[in-house]
């Protein structure tokens, strides 16, 4: 059956008009996913990342990268999906700082010289937790118990049963959450500030270790002066980041990742959620920068390919 000339000339245009709304719908489908980590008090994963500045060259960070088998480029992507509050059941003892993920195993080294932040017992803490996309969820802050030994692997028994602070759904301002809490007054020496961020708008839970040092007899006014360095601390002490120099959590994640960036390492098979950054299950993690594919990108390519093929067939008739 032959087609009228007007049908042959207009069919490709109609095809493009039909494909465009489908493409836009598919491209916009699916939620954006949060990424983040503390930068003050500085977390191990951020301090030892390529963005960590001078701290990244410390002995502890060099050992962590060597143990890890590669740099902590995806410092904002230390996450496990589907934990649902079962942190102590999912994350093994001795692997709290890595979340039990092989791609971050260097963070679990038992050392007393990790880059650290000076704090004062009983003082007010304002944590800066860098992120890019606002998400709902609860932050839980734990501090290791008095008598904690940093030369031994961090275990759940080193932490109290309940967090000393809990913050729900804080606002994301200028690329960071700011969590304010009062520190326990009975700590001295080196400790770990362990942070859990359980998303409620995604299935992910994030884990981080920030090494902190409490001087004996310190007061709340000491914190800013102490961040420049202090005697008795075996590792480098970091200064609080300037608000104008707030690091951004891997902004290039809006680009499509290379196939190798989406390939996990370690045992187990990670699950994906529509972006191509693996969502790590227990015992597995993705490697490379956290660059999830825009939702529906693969489907969009299929729509474009199908539309082009249909237009070509119509022209040949």
C-alpha atoms as a PDB file:
ATOM      1  CA  UNK A   1       0.000   0.000   0.000  1.00  0.00           C
ATOM      2  CA  UNK A   2       1.494   3.334  -1.088  1.00  0.00           C
ATOM      3  CA  UNK A   3       1.442   6.340   1.216  1.00  0.00           C
ATOM      4  CA  UNK A   4       0.361   9.843   0.296  1.00  0.00           C
ATOM      5  CA  UNK A   5       3.233  12.388  -0.069  1.00  0.00           C
ATOM      6  CA  UNK A   6       2.040  14.408   2.925  1.00  0.00           C
ATOM      7  CA  UNK A   7       2.151  11.290   5.061  1.00  0.00           C
ATOM      8  CA  UNK A   8       5.754  10.545   4.030  1.00  0.00           C
ATOM      9  CA  UNK A   9       6.881  14.103   4.782  1.00  0.00           C
ATOM     10  CA  UNK A  10       5.135  14.424   8.139  1.00  0.00           C
ATOM     11  CA  UNK A  11       5.665  10.982   9.665  1.00  0.00           C
ATOM     12  CA  UNK A  12       9.283  11.660  10.762  1.00  0.00           C
ATOM     13  CA  UNK A  13       8.164  14.891  12.441  1.00  0.00           C
ATOM     14  CA  UNK A  14       5.336  13.081  14.185  1.00  0.00           C
ATOM     15  CA  UNK A  15       7.783  10.417  15.327  1.00  0.00           C
ATOM     16  CA  UNK A  16      10.124  13.017  16.807  1.00  0.00           C
ATOM     17  CA  UNK A  17       7.205  14.737  18.520  1.00  0.00           C
ATOM     18  CA  UNK A  18       6.153  11.437  20.045  1.00  0.00           C
ATOM     19  CA  UNK A  19       9.678  10.503  21.139  1.00  0.00           C
ATOM     20  CA  UNK A  20      10.501  13.825  22.827  1.00  0.00           C
ATOM     21  CA  UNK A  21       7.866  13.653  25.602  1.00  0.00           C
ATOM     22  CA  UNK A  22       8.778  10.017  26.235  1.00  0.00           C
ATOM     23  CA  UNK A  23      12.450  10.915  26.475  1.00  0.00           C
ATOM     24  CA  UNK A  24      11.812  13.752  28.902  1.00  0.00           C
ATOM     25  CA  UNK A  25       9.564  11.550  31.027  1.00  0.00           C
ATOM     26  CA  UNK A  26      12.084   8.727  31.217  1.00  0.00           C
ATOM     27  CA  UNK A  27      15.010  11.094  31.870  1.00  0.00           C
ATOM     28  CA  UNK A  28      13.206  12.786  34.756  1.00  0.00           C
ATOM     29  CA  UNK A  29      11.980   9.544  36.289  1.00  0.00           C
ATOM     30  CA  UNK A  30      13.518   8.212  39.469  1.00  0.00           C
ATOM     31  CA  UNK A  31      14.710   9.990  42.625  1.00  0.00           C
ATOM     32  CA  UNK A  32      18.080  11.669  43.118  1.00  0.00           C
ATOM     33  CA  UNK A  33      20.317  10.003  45.682  1.00  0.00           C
ATOM     34  CA  UNK A  34      22.206  11.606  48.534  1.00  0.00           C
ATOM     35  CA  UNK A  35      25.951  11.440  49.061  1.00  0.00           C
ATOM     36  CA  UNK A  36      27.972  12.936  51.889  1.00  0.00           C
ATOM     37  CA  UNK A  37      30.542  12.779  54.677  1.00  0.00           C
ATOM     38  CA  UNK A  38      31.725  14.961  57.587  1.00  0.00           C
ATOM     39  CA  UNK A  39      34.476  17.476  56.887  1.00  0.00           C
ATOM     40  CA  UNK A  40      34.504  19.051  60.379  1.00  0.00           C
ATOM     41  CA  UNK A  41      35.373  17.257  62.577  1.00  0.00           C
ATOM     42  CA  UNK A  42      37.241  15.806  59.646  1.00  0.00           C
ATOM     43  CA  UNK A  43      36.345  12.210  58.810  1.00  0.00           C
ATOM     44  CA  UNK A  44      38.999   9.658  57.902  1.00  0.00           C
ATOM     45  CA  UNK A  45      37.563   9.122  54.439  1.00  0.00           C
ATOM     46  CA  UNK A  46      37.629  12.848  53.609  1.00  0.00           C
ATOM     47  CA  UNK A  47      41.028  13.551  55.217  1.00  0.00           C
ATOM     48  CA  UNK A  48      42.622  10.721  53.234  1.00  0.00           C
ATOM     49  CA  UNK A  49      40.906  11.557  49.947  1.00  0.00           C
ATOM     50  CA  UNK A  50      42.482  13.530  47.085  1.00  0.00           C
ATOM     51  CA  UNK A  51      40.448  16.496  48.387  1.00  0.00           C
ATOM     52  CA  UNK A  52      41.801  16.189  51.943  1.00  0.00           C
ATOM     53  CA  UNK A  53      44.670  18.653  51.549  1.00  0.00           C
ATOM     54  CA  UNK A  54      47.802  18.218  53.657  1.00  0.00           C
ATOM     55  CA  UNK A  55      46.102  15.592  55.851  1.00  0.00           C
ATOM     56  CA  UNK A  56      46.046  13.198  52.909  1.00  0.00           C
ATOM     57  CA  UNK A  57      49.841  12.991  53.072  1.00  0.00           C
ATOM     58  CA  UNK A  58      49.911  11.881  56.711  1.00  0.00           C
ATOM     59  CA  UNK A  59      51.415   8.518  57.652  1.00  0.00           C
ATOM     60  CA  UNK A  60      47.984   7.159  58.603  1.00  0.00           C
ATOM     61  CA  UNK A  61      46.429   8.197  55.299  1.00  0.00           C
ATOM     62  CA  UNK A  62      49.306   6.775  53.278  1.00  0.00           C
ATOM     63  CA  UNK A  63      48.897   3.475  55.131  1.00  0.00           C
ATOM     64  CA  UNK A  64      45.126   3.547  54.602  1.00  0.00           C
ATOM     65  CA  UNK A  65      45.465   4.107  50.852  1.00  0.00           C
ATOM     66  CA  UNK A  66      48.060   1.325  50.613  1.00  0.00           C
ATOM     67  CA  UNK A  67      45.799  -1.055  52.532  1.00  0.00           C
ATOM     68  CA  UNK A  68      42.877   0.037  50.442  1.00  0.00           C
ATOM     69  CA  UNK A  69      44.655  -0.591  47.163  1.00  0.00           C
ATOM     70  CA  UNK A  70      43.662   2.815  45.791  1.00  0.00           C
ATOM     71  CA  UNK A  71      42.736   6.399  46.753  1.00  0.00           C
ATOM     72  CA  UNK A  72      39.472   7.338  48.475  1.00  0.00           C
ATOM     73  CA  UNK A  73      38.165   9.236  45.472  1.00  0.00           C
ATOM     74  CA  UNK A  74      34.521   8.466  46.306  1.00  0.00           C
ATOM     75  CA  UNK A  75      34.829   9.839  49.846  1.00  0.00           C
ATOM     76  CA  UNK A  76      31.136  10.780  49.940  1.00  0.00           C
ATOM     77  CA  UNK A  77      29.834   7.356  48.938  1.00  0.00           C
ATOM     78  CA  UNK A  78      30.439   5.134  51.972  1.00  0.00           C
ATOM     79  CA  UNK A  79      26.921   3.725  52.181  1.00  0.00           C
ATOM     80  CA  UNK A  80      24.982   0.499  52.617  1.00  0.00           C
ATOM     81  CA  UNK A  81      21.433  -0.027  51.394  1.00  0.00           C
ATOM     82  CA  UNK A  82      18.618  -1.650  53.327  1.00  0.00           C
ATOM     83  CA  UNK A  83      20.129  -1.518  56.832  1.00  0.00           C
ATOM     84  CA  UNK A  84      16.929  -0.069  58.330  1.00  0.00           C
ATOM     85  CA  UNK A  85      18.465   0.631  61.727  1.00  0.00           C
ATOM     86  CA  UNK A  86      20.157  -2.794  62.083  1.00  0.00           C
ATOM     87  CA  UNK A  87      23.603  -1.201  62.158  1.00  0.00           C
ATOM     88  CA  UNK A  88      25.068  -3.487  64.828  1.00  0.00           C
ATOM     89  CA  UNK A  89      23.819  -6.574  63.044  1.00  0.00           C
ATOM     90  CA  UNK A  90      24.989  -5.521  59.564  1.00  0.00           C
ATOM     91  CA  UNK A  91      28.357  -3.834  60.191  1.00  0.00           C
ATOM     92  CA  UNK A  92      30.946  -6.204  61.737  1.00  0.00           C
ATOM     93  CA  UNK A  93      33.135  -5.347  64.737  1.00  0.00           C
ATOM     94  CA  UNK A  94      36.479  -3.956  63.663  1.00  0.00           C
ATOM     95  CA  UNK A  95      34.978  -2.621  60.421  1.00  0.00           C
ATOM     96  CA  UNK A  96      32.854   0.264  61.628  1.00  0.00           C
ATOM     97  CA  UNK A  97      34.825   2.970  59.831  1.00  0.00           C
ATOM     98  CA  UNK A  98      34.572   1.181  56.471  1.00  0.00           C
ATOM     99  CA  UNK A  99      31.004   0.016  57.008  1.00  0.00           C
ATOM    100  CA  UNK A 100      32.378  -3.442  56.249  1.00  0.00           C
ATOM    101  CA  UNK A 101      32.885  -2.419  52.610  1.00  0.00           C
ATOM    102  CA  UNK A 102      36.087  -3.720  50.950  1.00  0.00           C
ATOM    103  CA  UNK A 103      36.522  -0.524  48.928  1.00  0.00           C
ATOM    104  CA  UNK A 104      37.066   1.404  52.201  1.00  0.00           C
ATOM    105  CA  UNK A 105      38.898  -1.214  54.287  1.00  0.00           C
ATOM    106  CA  UNK A 106      41.922   1.035  54.835  1.00  0.00           C
ATOM    107  CA  UNK A 107      39.820   3.209  57.149  1.00  0.00           C
ATOM    108  CA  UNK A 108      39.681   0.426  59.738  1.00  0.00           C
ATOM    109  CA  UNK A 109      43.415   0.446  60.537  1.00  0.00           C
ATOM    110  CA  UNK A 110      43.940   0.618  64.309  1.00  0.00           C
ATOM    111  CA  UNK A 111      46.274   3.619  64.683  1.00  0.00           C
ATOM    112  CA  UNK A 112      46.730   6.514  67.084  1.00  0.00           C
ATOM    113  CA  UNK A 113      47.900   8.995  64.436  1.00  0.00           C
ATOM    114  CA  UNK A 114      44.868   9.556  62.224  1.00  0.00           C
ATOM    115  CA  UNK A 115      44.307  13.213  61.225  1.00  0.00           C
ATOM    116  CA  UNK A 116      42.195  14.620  64.029  1.00  0.00           C
ATOM    117  CA  UNK A 117      40.249  17.628  65.283  1.00  0.00           C
ATOM    118  CA  UNK A 118      40.709  19.111  68.742  1.00  0.00           C
ATOM    119  CA  UNK A 119      37.524  19.379  70.814  1.00  0.00           C
ATOM    120  CA  UNK A 120      36.764  20.308  74.415  1.00  0.00           C
ATOM    121  CA  UNK A 121      34.772  18.145  76.862  1.00  0.00           C
ATOM    122  CA  UNK A 122      31.239  19.420  77.388  1.00  0.00           C
ATOM    123  CA  UNK A 123      31.573  22.039  74.620  1.00  0.00           C
ATOM    124  CA  UNK A 124      29.080  22.728  71.861  1.00  0.00           C
ATOM    125  CA  UNK A 125      29.890  20.894  68.636  1.00  0.00           C
ATOM    126  CA  UNK A 126      28.801  21.999  65.176  1.00  0.00           C
ATOM    127  CA  UNK A 127      29.456  19.242  62.668  1.00  0.00           C
ATOM    128  CA  UNK A 128      29.640  20.142  58.981  1.00  0.00           C
ATOM    129  CA  UNK A 129      28.424  17.194  56.947  1.00  0.00           C
ATOM    130  CA  UNK A 130      28.953  17.945  53.263  1.00  0.00           C
ATOM    131  CA  UNK A 131      26.338  16.838  50.745  1.00  0.00           C
ATOM    132  CA  UNK A 132      24.843  18.063  47.470  1.00  0.00           C
ATOM    133  CA  UNK A 133      21.229  16.900  47.336  1.00  0.00           C
ATOM    134  CA  UNK A 134      18.861  17.576  50.260  1.00  0.00           C
ATOM    135  CA  UNK A 135      17.372  14.417  51.736  1.00  0.00           C
ATOM    136  CA  UNK A 136      15.373  13.546  54.792  1.00  0.00           C
ATOM    137  CA  UNK A 137      16.896  11.303  57.401  1.00  0.00           C
ATOM    138  CA  UNK A 138      18.337  11.036  60.892  1.00  0.00           C
ATOM    139  CA  UNK A 139      21.921  11.674  61.983  1.00  0.00           C
ATOM    140  CA  UNK A 140      23.141   9.765  65.056  1.00  0.00           C
ATOM    141  CA  UNK A 141      26.376  10.830  66.751  1.00  0.00           C
ATOM    142  CA  UNK A 142      28.321   8.466  69.023  1.00  0.00           C
ATOM    143  CA  UNK A 143      31.545   9.055  70.936  1.00  0.00           C
ATOM    144  CA  UNK A 144      33.782   6.211  72.035  1.00  0.00           C
ATOM    145  CA  UNK A 145      33.573   5.367  75.736  1.00  0.00           C
ATOM    146  CA  UNK A 146      36.120   6.598  78.326  1.00  0.00           C
ATOM    147  CA  UNK A 147      39.169   4.352  78.201  1.00  0.00           C
ATOM    148  CA  UNK A 148      38.934   3.769  74.446  1.00  0.00           C
ATOM    149  CA  UNK A 149      42.204   2.406  73.005  1.00  0.00           C
ATOM    150  CA  UNK A 150      42.859   3.728  69.466  1.00  0.00           C
ATOM    151  CA  UNK A 151      45.516   1.059  68.865  1.00  0.00           C
ATOM    152  CA  UNK A 152      42.826  -1.628  68.825  1.00  0.00           C
ATOM    153  CA  UNK A 153      40.130  -2.160  66.139  1.00  0.00           C
ATOM    154  CA  UNK A 154      36.981  -0.124  66.755  1.00  0.00           C
ATOM    155  CA  UNK A 155      34.082  -2.327  67.890  1.00  0.00           C
ATOM    156  CA  UNK A 156      30.476  -1.696  68.803  1.00  0.00           C
ATOM    157  CA  UNK A 157      31.339  -2.299  72.470  1.00  0.00           C
ATOM    158  CA  UNK A 158      33.577   0.804  72.290  1.00  0.00           C
ATOM    159  CA  UNK A 159      30.442   2.891  71.684  1.00  0.00           C
ATOM    160  CA  UNK A 160      27.541   3.560  74.060  1.00  0.00           C
ATOM    161  CA  UNK A 161      24.208   1.942  73.298  1.00  0.00           C
ATOM    162  CA  UNK A 162      22.624   5.314  72.598  1.00  0.00           C
ATOM    163  CA  UNK A 163      23.991   8.304  70.648  1.00  0.00           C
ATOM    164  CA  UNK A 164      24.842  11.454  72.577  1.00  0.00           C
ATOM    165  CA  UNK A 165      23.013  13.435  69.891  1.00  0.00           C
ATOM    166  CA  UNK A 166      20.391  12.731  67.250  1.00  0.00           C
ATOM    167  CA  UNK A 167      19.290  15.197  64.564  1.00  0.00           C
ATOM    168  CA  UNK A 168      16.373  14.584  62.250  1.00  0.00           C
ATOM    169  CA  UNK A 169      15.857  16.207  58.844  1.00  0.00           C
ATOM    170  CA  UNK A 170      18.305  19.134  59.145  1.00  0.00           C
ATOM    171  CA  UNK A 171      18.399  21.721  56.379  1.00  0.00           C
ATOM    172  CA  UNK A 172      21.052  21.510  53.680  1.00  0.00           C
ATOM    173  CA  UNK A 173      22.608  24.983  53.446  1.00  0.00           C
ATOM    174  CA  UNK A 174      25.481  25.989  51.152  1.00  0.00           C
ATOM    175  CA  UNK A 175      26.320  22.383  50.407  1.00  0.00           C
ATOM    176  CA  UNK A 176      26.391  21.071  53.971  1.00  0.00           C
ATOM    177  CA  UNK A 177      24.255  19.968  56.896  1.00  0.00           C
ATOM    178  CA  UNK A 178      25.211  21.646  60.179  1.00  0.00           C
ATOM    179  CA  UNK A 179      24.523  19.507  63.214  1.00  0.00           C
ATOM    180  CA  UNK A 180      24.724  21.152  66.626  1.00  0.00           C
ATOM    181  CA  UNK A 181      25.073  19.107  69.806  1.00  0.00           C
ATOM    182  CA  UNK A 182      26.659  19.231  73.246  1.00  0.00           C
ATOM    183  CA  UNK A 183      29.635  16.933  73.687  1.00  0.00           C
ATOM    184  CA  UNK A 184      29.947  14.586  76.672  1.00  0.00           C
ATOM    185  CA  UNK A 185      31.974  16.140  79.481  1.00  0.00           C
ATOM    186  CA  UNK A 186      33.805  13.004  80.658  1.00  0.00           C
ATOM    187  CA  UNK A 187      36.208  12.393  77.755  1.00  0.00           C
ATOM    188  CA  UNK A 188      39.941  13.064  77.508  1.00  0.00           C
ATOM    189  CA  UNK A 189      42.603  12.016  75.043  1.00  0.00           C
ATOM    190  CA  UNK A 190      41.979  10.482  71.627  1.00  0.00           C
ATOM    191  CA  UNK A 191      38.500   9.259  70.649  1.00  0.00           C
ATOM    192  CA  UNK A 192      36.382   8.464  67.598  1.00  0.00           C
ATOM    193  CA  UNK A 193      33.250  10.425  66.732  1.00  0.00           C
ATOM    194  CA  UNK A 194      31.155   7.848  64.894  1.00  0.00           C
ATOM    195  CA  UNK A 195      28.329   9.194  62.727  1.00  0.00           C
ATOM    196  CA  UNK A 196      25.432   7.269  61.231  1.00  0.00           C
ATOM    197  CA  UNK A 197      23.193   8.970  58.684  1.00  0.00           C
ATOM    198  CA  UNK A 198      20.118   6.884  57.982  1.00  0.00           C
ATOM    199  CA  UNK A 199      18.228   8.270  54.996  1.00  0.00           C
ATOM    200  CA  UNK A 200      14.452   8.117  55.014  1.00  0.00           C
ATOM    201  CA  UNK A 201      14.066   9.289  51.396  1.00  0.00           C
ATOM    202  CA  UNK A 202      16.519   6.675  50.069  1.00  0.00           C
ATOM    203  CA  UNK A 203      17.323   3.127  51.270  1.00  0.00           C
ATOM    204  CA  UNK A 204      20.882   4.122  52.213  1.00  0.00           C
ATOM    205  CA  UNK A 205      22.705   4.440  55.529  1.00  0.00           C
ATOM    206  CA  UNK A 206      26.071   6.256  55.655  1.00  0.00           C
ATOM    207  CA  UNK A 207      28.866   5.640  58.175  1.00  0.00           C
ATOM    208  CA  UNK A 208      31.886   7.746  59.095  1.00  0.00           C
ATOM    209  CA  UNK A 209      34.682   7.963  61.667  1.00  0.00           C
ATOM    210  CA  UNK A 210      36.092  11.333  62.752  1.00  0.00           C
ATOM    211  CA  UNK A 211      39.126  11.181  65.009  1.00  0.00           C
ATOM    212  CA  UNK A 212      39.033  13.770  67.790  1.00  0.00           C
ATOM    213  CA  UNK A 213      41.273  14.706  70.713  1.00  0.00           C
ATOM    214  CA  UNK A 214      40.093  16.112  74.060  1.00  0.00           C
ATOM    215  CA  UNK A 215      42.707  17.975  76.083  1.00  0.00           C
ATOM    216  CA  UNK A 216      42.524  17.399  79.818  1.00  0.00           C
ATOM    217  CA  UNK A 217      40.779  20.262  81.580  1.00  0.00           C
ATOM    218  CA  UNK A 218      39.749  21.923  78.298  1.00  0.00           C
ATOM    219  CA  UNK A 219      36.836  24.300  77.966  1.00  0.00           C
ATOM    220  CA  UNK A 220      34.505  25.209  75.147  1.00  0.00           C
ATOM    221  CA  UNK A 221      36.558  28.310  74.310  1.00  0.00           C
ATOM    222  CA  UNK A 222      39.616  26.186  73.558  1.00  0.00           C
ATOM    223  CA  UNK A 223      38.342  24.505  70.405  1.00  0.00           C
ATOM    224  CA  UNK A 224      39.144  27.092  67.733  1.00  0.00           C
ATOM    225  CA  UNK A 225      42.629  27.794  69.089  1.00  0.00           C
ATOM    226  CA  UNK A 226      43.388  24.107  69.465  1.00  0.00           C
ATOM    227  CA  UNK A 227      42.564  23.194  65.883  1.00  0.00           C
ATOM    228  CA  UNK A 228      45.883  24.662  64.718  1.00  0.00           C
ATOM    229  CA  UNK A 229      47.761  21.853  66.520  1.00  0.00           C
ATOM    230  CA  UNK A 230      48.494  20.625  70.023  1.00  0.00           C
ATOM    231  CA  UNK A 231      51.157  18.834  72.021  1.00  0.00           C
ATOM    232  CA  UNK A 232      50.512  15.241  72.943  1.00  0.00           C
ATOM    233  CA  UNK A 233      48.548  14.422  69.782  1.00  0.00           C
ATOM    234  CA  UNK A 234      50.378  11.865  67.651  1.00  0.00           C
ATOM    235  CA  UNK A 235      48.625  12.725  64.410  1.00  0.00           C
ATOM    236  CA  UNK A 236      48.099  15.954  62.444  1.00  0.00           C
ATOM    237  CA  UNK A 237      45.332  18.153  63.798  1.00  0.00           C
ATOM    238  CA  UNK A 238      43.135  19.774  61.201  1.00  0.00           C
ATOM    239  CA  UNK A 239      41.694  23.261  61.307  1.00  0.00           C
ATOM    240  CA  UNK A 240      37.994  23.774  60.760  1.00  0.00           C
ATOM    241  CA  UNK A 241      37.194  24.460  57.079  1.00  0.00           C
ATOM    242  CA  UNK A 242      36.326  28.002  56.094  1.00  0.00           C
ATOM    243  CA  UNK A 243      32.620  28.399  55.195  1.00  0.00           C
ATOM    244  CA  UNK A 244      33.652  29.997  51.902  1.00  0.00           C
ATOM    245  CA  UNK A 245      35.836  27.015  51.073  1.00  0.00           C
ATOM    246  CA  UNK A 246      33.261  24.346  51.890  1.00  0.00           C
ATOM    247  CA  UNK A 247      34.092  21.246  49.826  1.00  0.00           C
ATOM    248  CA  UNK A 248      31.418  19.970  47.516  1.00  0.00           C
ATOM    249  CA  UNK A 249      30.481  16.317  47.582  1.00  0.00           C
ATOM    250  CA  UNK A 250      31.681  15.024  44.217  1.00  0.00           C
ATOM    251  CA  UNK A 251      29.693  17.372  41.966  1.00  0.00           C
ATOM    252  CA  UNK A 252      30.751  15.487  38.856  1.00  0.00           C
ATOM    253  CA  UNK A 253      28.307  12.732  39.763  1.00  0.00           C
ATOM    254  CA  UNK A 254      25.848  14.384  37.369  1.00  0.00           C
ATOM    255  CA  UNK A 255      27.900  13.009  34.485  1.00  0.00           C
ATOM    256  CA  UNK A 256      27.571   9.472  33.213  1.00  0.00           C
ATOM    257  CA  UNK A 257      30.190   7.188  34.766  1.00  0.00           C
ATOM    258  CA  UNK A 258      32.603   5.029  32.859  1.00  0.00           C
ATOM    259  CA  UNK A 259      31.910   1.272  32.948  1.00  0.00           C
ATOM    260  CA  UNK A 260      34.857   0.759  35.306  1.00  0.00           C
ATOM    261  CA  UNK A 261      33.479   3.287  37.798  1.00  0.00           C
ATOM    262  CA  UNK A 262      30.349   1.183  38.161  1.00  0.00           C
ATOM    263  CA  UNK A 263      32.233  -2.086  38.649  1.00  0.00           C
ATOM    264  CA  UNK A 264      32.290  -3.243  42.293  1.00  0.00           C
ATOM    265  CA  UNK A 265      35.196  -4.928  44.009  1.00  0.00           C
ATOM    266  CA  UNK A 266      35.241  -7.468  46.782  1.00  0.00           C
ATOM    267  CA  UNK A 267      32.881 -10.302  47.587  1.00  0.00           C
ATOM    268  CA  UNK A 268      29.186 -10.128  47.001  1.00  0.00           C
ATOM    269  CA  UNK A 269      27.097  -8.478  44.323  1.00  0.00           C
ATOM    270  CA  UNK A 270      25.975  -4.894  44.892  1.00  0.00           C
ATOM    271  CA  UNK A 271      22.467  -3.863  43.995  1.00  0.00           C
ATOM    272  CA  UNK A 272      21.609  -0.914  41.815  1.00  0.00           C
ATOM    273  CA  UNK A 273      18.632   1.407  42.047  1.00  0.00           C
ATOM    274  CA  UNK A 274      18.340   3.055  38.660  1.00  0.00           C
ATOM    275  CA  UNK A 275      21.577   5.000  38.892  1.00  0.00           C
ATOM    276  CA  UNK A 276      24.712   3.177  37.861  1.00  0.00           C
ATOM    277  CA  UNK A 277      26.610   3.750  41.103  1.00  0.00           C
ATOM    278  CA  UNK A 278      26.422   0.432  42.955  1.00  0.00           C
ATOM    279  CA  UNK A 279      24.411   0.386  46.149  1.00  0.00           C
ATOM    280  CA  UNK A 280      26.583  -1.732  48.364  1.00  0.00           C
ATOM    281  CA  UNK A 281      25.137  -4.647  50.220  1.00  0.00           C
ATOM    282  CA  UNK A 282      27.078  -6.009  53.186  1.00  0.00           C
ATOM    283  CA  UNK A 283      30.547  -7.037  52.058  1.00  0.00           C
ATOM    284  CA  UNK A 284      30.606  -5.182  48.725  1.00  0.00           C
ATOM    285  CA  UNK A 285      31.173  -1.655  47.518  1.00  0.00           C
ATOM    286  CA  UNK A 286      31.601   0.241  44.269  1.00  0.00           C
ATOM    287  CA  UNK A 287      34.898   1.827  43.379  1.00  0.00           C
ATOM    288  CA  UNK A 288      35.835   5.042  41.651  1.00  0.00           C
ATOM    289  CA  UNK A 289      34.185   8.439  41.973  1.00  0.00           C
ATOM    290  CA  UNK A 290      30.545   8.554  42.974  1.00  0.00           C
ATOM    291  CA  UNK A 291      29.051   9.425  39.582  1.00  0.00           C
ATOM    292  CA  UNK A 292      25.578   7.914  39.280  1.00  0.00           C
ATOM    293  CA  UNK A 293      23.945   7.970  35.871  1.00  0.00           C
ATOM    294  CA  UNK A 294      21.009  10.330  35.544  1.00  0.00           C
ATOM    295  CA  UNK A 295      17.863   8.293  36.176  1.00  0.00           C
ATOM    296  CA  UNK A 296      16.523   6.557  33.137  1.00  0.00           C
ATOM    297  CA  UNK A 297      19.553   7.282  30.961  1.00  0.00           C
ATOM    298  CA  UNK A 298      19.691   3.774  29.539  1.00  0.00           C
ATOM    299  CA  UNK A 299      15.971   3.788  28.801  1.00  0.00           C
ATOM    300  CA  UNK A 300      16.322   7.171  27.104  1.00  0.00           C
ATOM    301  CA  UNK A 301      18.941   5.753  24.746  1.00  0.00           C
ATOM    302  CA  UNK A 302      16.580   2.927  23.834  1.00  0.00           C
ATOM    303  CA  UNK A 303      13.776   5.396  23.122  1.00  0.00           C
ATOM    304  CA  UNK A 304      16.023   7.494  20.872  1.00  0.00           C
ATOM    305  CA  UNK A 305      17.295   4.413  19.032  1.00  0.00           C
ATOM    306  CA  UNK A 306      13.787   3.096  18.481  1.00  0.00           C
ATOM    307  CA  UNK A 307      12.544   6.502  17.291  1.00  0.00           C
ATOM    308  CA  UNK A 308      15.366   6.851  14.797  1.00  0.00           C
ATOM    309  CA  UNK A 309      14.786   3.363  13.412  1.00  0.00           C
ATOM    310  CA  UNK A 310      11.061   4.026  12.999  1.00  0.00           C
ATOM    311  CA  UNK A 311      11.699   7.318  11.204  1.00  0.00           C
ATOM    312  CA  UNK A 312      14.141   5.585   8.821  1.00  0.00           C
ATOM    313  CA  UNK A 313      11.631   2.867   7.976  1.00  0.00           C
ATOM    314  CA  UNK A 314       8.909   5.430   7.261  1.00  0.00           C
ATOM    315  CA  UNK A 315      11.202   7.359   4.872  1.00  0.00           C
ATOM    316  CA  UNK A 316      11.933   4.176   2.898  1.00  0.00           C
ATOM    317  CA  UNK A 317       8.247   3.391   2.290  1.00  0.00           C
END
